[in-house]
Amino acid sequence: MNINHFGTLYIVATPIGNLRDMSLRAIDILKTVNCIAAEDTRHSKSLLQHYMINTPMFALHQHNEREKSTALLERLQQGDSIALISDAGTPLISDPGYFLVREARVAGITIVPIPGACAAITALSASGLATDRFSFEGFLPAKTKQRVQSLETLRTEARTMVFYEAPHRVLDTLEDMQKVFGEKRQVVLARELTKLYETIRSAALDELVEWVKNDDNQQRGEIVIMVEGANSAVPESAEIVSAENILKILMNELPLKQAVDLAAKISGLRKNELYQRALELK
């Protein structure tokens, strides 16, 4: 019971594609709250029309969340109930809403989650990869250098890793994963989940990169990439790729022998193996 007479903030999951995945409870909440905060009102309009929901909507997105949250908190404190929805799936999972929810909790507002679809969990459940422990990494950086650096920090991650990616960057991201994780790391690409052209493909990174490269259709739509966790011992192919990256950097600054010696100390690989690779690179 909400004894402070404040309104309630509902965090409402919506379908990620198929409109029939909307829960009955979510429909009831969206019909009865005073207003709906939507990431994109134009996008959400069709969903509300489909279920004959006439509740007023306004936009709450990453560019105005801090500004709008003050007014929303005031309404909640005055007794209004508000539903927060994103364009698709569960709000706050790589979507706006964190600031509002945090401030509402500080203010003593009751927050009620209305569960439903989530692209990461939907993809993971059908991936065939280990699900007892996993790491949700969201979107990787858009620029190649920062993206590779982020992947390098995950090279020895033993849990299954789950990423979201934009269609125009998916090939670049897979190619960077191949460089960092090695060609044979198992990856699952899930695209357009619950929609007409739903695709779930499992393959080693070298095979998956070629498949995406040769089929433009796989570079369209909403995409989830899941990467098998590293073995307790880092795969040799990934070790070599990482050592090569180190070697390339050192060779630009140091004589060949010094670069090899230092790369061996950093990577733990044998000097003669790195020396041969340095000669090839040179």
Protein backbone atom coordinates (compact mmCIF):
# COMPACT_ATOMS: atom_id res chain seq x y z
CA MET A 1 0.00 0.00 0.00
CA ASN A 2 1.30 3.44 -0.95
CA ILE A 3 0.73 5.20 2.43
CA ASN A 4 2.41 8.47 1.37
CA HIS A 5 -0.34 9.08 -1.24
CA PHE A 6 2.25 9.42 -3.99
CA GLY A 7 1.51 8.00 -7.39
CA THR A 8 3.30 4.91 -8.73
CA LEU A 9 5.95 4.70 -11.42
CA TYR A 10 5.43 1.59 -13.56
CA ILE A 11 8.30 0.24 -15.67
CA VAL A 12 6.43 -1.51 -18.47
CA ALA A 13 8.01 -3.96 -20.91
CA THR A 14 6.59 -3.89 -24.44
CA PRO A 15 7.03 -6.29 -27.42
CA ILE A 16 10.35 -6.38 -29.27
CA GLY A 17 8.58 -7.12 -32.54
CA ASN A 18 5.47 -9.26 -32.44
CA LEU A 19 2.65 -7.17 -30.93
CA ARG A 20 0.98 -10.28 -29.52
CA ASP A 21 3.81 -10.56 -26.98
CA MET A 22 2.22 -7.73 -24.98
CA SER A 23 1.10 -8.95 -21.54
CA LEU A 24 -2.47 -8.47 -20.30
CA ARG A 25 -1.14 -6.76 -17.20
CA ALA A 26 0.90 -4.31 -19.28
CA ILE A 27 -2.21 -3.40 -21.28
CA ASP A 28 -4.20 -2.80 -18.08
CA ILE A 29 -1.49 -0.58 -16.61
CA LEU A 30 -1.09 1.50 -19.76
CA LYS A 31 -4.85 2.07 -19.89
CA THR A 32 -5.18 3.16 -16.27
CA VAL A 33 -2.13 5.37 -15.57
CA ASN A 34 -2.42 9.14 -15.90
CA CYS A 35 0.25 9.35 -18.58
CA ILE A 36 2.88 7.34 -20.44
CA ALA A 37 6.51 8.40 -20.78
CA ALA A 38 7.70 6.93 -24.09
CA GLU A 39 11.16 6.92 -25.62
CA ASP A 40 9.65 7.85 -29.00
CA THR A 41 5.94 8.74 -29.04
CA ARG A 42 5.74 8.27 -32.81
CA HIS A 43 7.10 4.73 -32.51
CA SER A 44 4.85 3.79 -29.58
CA LYS A 45 1.71 5.27 -31.12
CA SER A 46 1.03 2.18 -33.26
CA LEU A 47 1.32 -0.13 -30.22
CA LEU A 48 -1.14 1.93 -28.21
CA GLN A 49 -3.55 2.17 -31.13
CA HIS A 50 -3.41 -1.60 -31.60
CA TYR A 51 -4.60 -2.14 -28.03
CA MET A 52 -6.97 0.84 -28.03
CA ILE A 53 -5.00 2.63 -25.32
CA ASN A 54 -5.84 6.33 -25.25
CA THR A 55 -3.64 7.42 -22.35
CA PRO A 56 -1.72 10.67 -23.05
CA MET A 57 1.92 10.20 -24.04
CA PHE A 58 4.98 12.39 -23.94
CA ALA A 59 8.58 11.83 -24.96
CA LEU A 60 11.26 10.85 -22.44
CA HIS A 61 14.55 10.05 -24.17
CA GLN A 62 18.28 10.28 -23.53
CA HIS A 63 18.44 13.94 -24.57
CA ASN A 64 15.69 15.26 -22.27
CA GLU A 65 15.50 12.73 -19.41
CA ARG A 66 17.18 14.88 -16.76
CA GLU A 67 15.13 17.93 -17.72
CA LYS A 68 11.79 16.08 -17.81
CA SER A 69 12.39 13.98 -14.68
CA THR A 70 11.84 16.93 -12.33
CA ALA A 71 8.36 17.54 -13.71
CA LEU A 72 7.57 13.82 -13.64
CA LEU A 73 8.63 13.49 -10.01
CA GLU A 74 6.38 16.42 -9.11
CA ARG A 75 3.43 14.71 -10.78
CA LEU A 76 4.19 11.44 -9.01
CA GLN A 77 4.40 13.25 -5.66
CA GLN A 78 1.03 14.86 -6.37
CA GLY A 79 -0.54 11.44 -6.81
CA ASP A 80 -0.37 10.80 -10.57
CA SER A 81 0.73 7.36 -11.74
CA ILE A 82 3.05 7.17 -14.73
CA ALA A 83 4.14 4.32 -16.98
CA LEU A 84 7.61 4.30 -18.55
CA ILE A 85 8.04 2.44 -21.85
CA SER A 86 10.89 2.24 -24.37
CA ASP A 87 10.70 1.72 -28.12
CA ALA A 88 10.77 -2.04 -27.57
CA GLY A 89 11.44 -4.50 -24.78
CA THR A 90 12.23 -3.76 -21.16
CA PRO A 91 12.99 -0.09 -20.33
CA LEU A 92 16.47 0.85 -19.05
CA ILE A 93 18.19 -2.12 -20.74
CA SER A 94 20.41 0.02 -23.02
CA ASP A 95 17.49 2.49 -23.06
CA PRO A 96 16.64 5.70 -21.17
CA GLY A 97 15.08 5.71 -17.69
CA TYR A 98 17.94 5.16 -15.24
CA PHE A 99 18.00 8.76 -13.99
CA LEU A 100 14.23 8.91 -13.52
CA VAL A 101 14.05 5.60 -11.66
CA ARG A 102 16.98 6.48 -9.44
CA GLU A 103 15.50 9.86 -8.51
CA ALA A 104 12.05 8.36 -7.96
CA ARG A 105 13.48 5.80 -5.57
CA VAL A 106 15.35 8.52 -3.65
CA ALA A 107 12.10 10.50 -3.43
CA GLY A 108 10.24 7.54 -1.95
CA ILE A 109 8.09 6.86 -5.01
CA THR A 110 6.79 3.30 -5.37
CA ILE A 111 8.30 1.68 -8.47
CA VAL A 112 6.57 -1.37 -9.95
CA PRO A 113 8.14 -3.40 -12.79
CA ILE A 114 5.75 -4.97 -15.30
CA PRO A 115 7.84 -7.76 -16.86
CA GLY A 116 7.81 -8.81 -20.48
CA ALA A 117 10.04 -9.10 -23.53
CA CYS A 118 13.76 -8.33 -23.44
CA ALA A 119 15.85 -8.85 -26.57
CA ALA A 120 18.96 -9.94 -24.63
CA ILE A 121 17.15 -12.65 -22.65
CA THR A 122 15.07 -13.76 -25.63
CA ALA A 123 18.20 -14.22 -27.74
CA LEU A 124 20.15 -15.90 -24.97
CA SER A 125 17.40 -18.46 -24.32
CA ALA A 126 17.68 -19.74 -27.90
CA SER A 127 21.44 -19.36 -28.33
CA GLY A 128 22.67 -22.75 -27.18
CA LEU A 129 25.44 -20.99 -25.24
CA ALA A 130 25.91 -21.31 -21.49
CA THR A 131 23.22 -19.37 -19.60
CA ASP A 132 24.08 -20.18 -15.98
CA ARG A 133 26.34 -17.13 -15.95
CA PHE A 134 26.40 -14.36 -18.52
CA SER A 135 27.50 -10.75 -18.93
CA PHE A 136 25.33 -8.13 -20.64
CA GLU A 137 27.63 -5.62 -22.34
CA GLY A 138 25.07 -3.51 -24.24
CA PHE A 139 26.41 -1.50 -27.18
CA LEU A 140 30.14 -1.41 -27.88
CA PRO A 141 31.76 1.94 -28.78
CA ALA A 142 31.05 3.10 -32.32
CA LYS A 143 34.67 3.92 -33.19
CA THR A 144 37.00 1.06 -34.08
CA LYS A 145 39.87 1.93 -31.72
CA GLN A 146 37.64 2.22 -28.65
CA ARG A 147 35.65 -0.84 -29.68
CA VAL A 148 38.78 -3.00 -29.94
CA GLN A 149 39.99 -1.69 -26.58
CA SER A 150 36.66 -2.66 -24.97
CA LEU A 151 36.83 -6.12 -26.52
CA GLU A 152 40.41 -6.57 -25.29
CA THR A 153 39.19 -6.11 -21.70
CA LEU A 154 36.76 -8.99 -22.30
CA ARG A 155 39.19 -11.35 -24.01
CA THR A 156 39.44 -13.68 -21.01
CA GLU A 157 35.83 -13.26 -19.80
CA ALA A 158 34.60 -16.77 -18.95
CA ARG A 159 30.89 -15.94 -18.99
CA THR A 160 28.75 -15.83 -22.12
CA MET A 161 28.77 -12.21 -23.36
CA VAL A 162 25.68 -10.49 -24.78
CA PHE A 163 25.96 -7.40 -27.00
CA TYR A 164 23.50 -5.18 -28.84
CA GLU A 165 24.68 -3.78 -32.17
CA ALA A 166 23.44 -1.40 -34.84
CA PRO A 167 22.98 -2.99 -38.28
CA HIS A 168 25.43 -0.64 -40.02
CA ARG A 169 28.19 -1.63 -37.55
CA VAL A 170 27.55 -5.36 -37.17
CA LEU A 171 30.15 -6.49 -39.72
CA ASP A 172 32.86 -4.21 -38.32
CA THR A 173 32.09 -5.44 -34.81
CA LEU A 174 32.25 -9.11 -35.82
CA GLU A 175 35.56 -8.53 -37.61
CA ASP A 176 36.97 -6.83 -34.50
CA MET A 177 35.73 -9.74 -32.37
CA GLN A 178 37.50 -12.12 -34.73
CA LYS A 179 40.78 -10.21 -34.27
CA VAL A 180 40.50 -10.10 -30.48
CA PHE A 181 38.76 -13.38 -29.57
CA GLY A 182 40.21 -15.51 -32.37
CA GLU A 183 38.65 -17.09 -35.46
CA LYS A 184 37.21 -20.16 -33.74
CA ARG A 185 35.37 -18.54 -30.84
CA GLN A 186 31.70 -19.60 -31.05
CA VAL A 187 29.25 -16.75 -31.61
CA VAL A 188 25.49 -16.56 -32.10
CA LEU A 189 23.90 -13.74 -34.08
CA ALA A 190 20.18 -13.15 -33.44
CA ARG A 191 18.42 -10.72 -35.74
CA GLU A 192 14.85 -9.39 -35.94
CA LEU A 193 13.68 -11.53 -33.01
CA THR A 194 9.92 -12.32 -32.99
CA LYS A 195 9.54 -10.63 -36.39
CA LEU A 196 8.88 -12.05 -39.85
CA TYR A 197 12.56 -12.40 -40.78
CA GLU A 198 13.81 -13.68 -37.43
CA THR A 199 17.26 -15.25 -37.85
CA ILE A 200 19.41 -17.03 -35.26
CA ARG A 201 22.76 -18.26 -36.58
CA SER A 202 25.46 -20.04 -34.56
CA ALA A 203 28.99 -20.40 -35.96
CA ALA A 204 32.67 -19.82 -35.31
CA LEU A 205 33.65 -16.18 -35.83
CA ASP A 206 35.50 -16.75 -39.11
CA GLU A 207 32.45 -18.46 -40.62
CA LEU A 208 30.01 -15.91 -39.22
CA VAL A 209 32.01 -12.97 -40.56
CA GLU A 210 31.96 -14.42 -44.09
CA TRP A 211 28.24 -15.18 -43.86
CA VAL A 212 27.35 -11.62 -42.81
CA LYS A 213 29.77 -10.15 -45.34
CA ASN A 214 28.16 -12.08 -48.20
CA ASP A 215 24.52 -11.45 -47.23
CA ASP A 216 23.43 -7.83 -46.89
CA ASN A 217 20.17 -8.96 -45.28
CA GLN A 218 22.15 -9.94 -42.18
CA GLN A 219 23.18 -6.30 -41.82
CA ARG A 220 19.63 -5.08 -41.29
CA GLY A 221 17.25 -4.85 -38.35
CA GLU A 222 17.69 -5.23 -34.60
CA ILE A 223 20.71 -7.37 -33.71
CA VAL A 224 21.95 -9.25 -30.65
CA ILE A 225 25.43 -10.83 -30.67
CA MET A 226 26.29 -13.50 -28.12
CA VAL A 227 29.86 -14.67 -27.63
CA GLU A 228 30.94 -17.88 -25.96
CA GLY A 229 33.01 -17.27 -22.84
CA ALA A 230 36.73 -17.95 -22.89
CA ASN A 231 38.03 -21.28 -21.64
CA SER A 232 39.99 -21.29 -18.40
CA ALA A 233 43.04 -21.13 -20.62
CA VAL A 234 42.81 -18.40 -23.24
CA PRO A 235 42.58 -19.95 -26.74
CA GLU A 236 45.94 -19.91 -28.47
CA SER A 237 44.55 -18.11 -31.51
CA ALA A 238 43.29 -15.24 -29.33
CA GLU A 239 46.64 -15.06 -27.51
CA ILE A 240 48.50 -14.77 -30.79
CA VAL A 241 46.18 -12.09 -32.15
CA SER A 242 46.56 -10.03 -28.97
CA ALA A 243 50.35 -10.50 -28.98
CA GLU A 244 50.48 -9.39 -32.62
CA ASN A 245 48.65 -6.18 -31.74
CA ILE A 246 51.16 -5.52 -28.96
CA LEU A 247 54.04 -6.37 -31.28
CA LYS A 248 52.84 -3.99 -33.99
CA ILE A 249 52.70 -1.10 -31.53
CA LEU A 250 56.13 -1.82 -30.06
CA MET A 251 57.75 -2.25 -33.48
CA ASN A 252 56.73 1.28 -34.36
CA GLU A 253 58.69 2.61 -31.39
CA LEU A 254 61.54 0.16 -30.73
CA PRO A 255 64.16 -1.92 -32.56
CA LEU A 256 62.88 -5.35 -33.56
CA LYS A 257 64.71 -7.36 -30.86
CA GLN A 258 63.61 -5.02 -28.08
CA ALA A 259 60.02 -5.07 -29.36
CA VAL A 260 60.01 -8.88 -29.37
CA ASP A 261 61.52 -9.12 -25.89
CA LEU A 262 58.97 -6.72 -24.41
CA ALA A 263 56.03 -8.30 -26.27
CA ALA A 264 57.04 -11.71 -24.91
CA LYS A 265 57.10 -10.39 -21.35
CA ILE A 266 53.67 -8.75 -21.76
CA SER A 267 51.94 -11.64 -23.56
CA GLY A 268 53.69 -14.63 -22.01
CA LEU A 269 54.34 -16.15 -25.45
CA ARG A 270 57.71 -17.57 -26.56
CA LYS A 271 60.28 -15.14 -27.97
CA ASN A 272 61.15 -17.29 -30.99
CA GLU A 273 57.48 -17.50 -31.97
CA LEU A 274 57.08 -13.75 -31.67
CA TYR A 275 60.36 -13.08 -33.46
CA GLN A 276 59.21 -15.11 -36.47
CA ARG A 277 55.90 -13.24 -36.49
CA ALA A 278 57.75 -9.91 -36.24
CA LEU A 279 59.80 -10.77 -39.31
CA GLU A 280 56.61 -11.59 -41.22
CA LEU A 281 55.01 -8.33 -40.12
CA LYS A 282 58.09 -6.37 -41.07
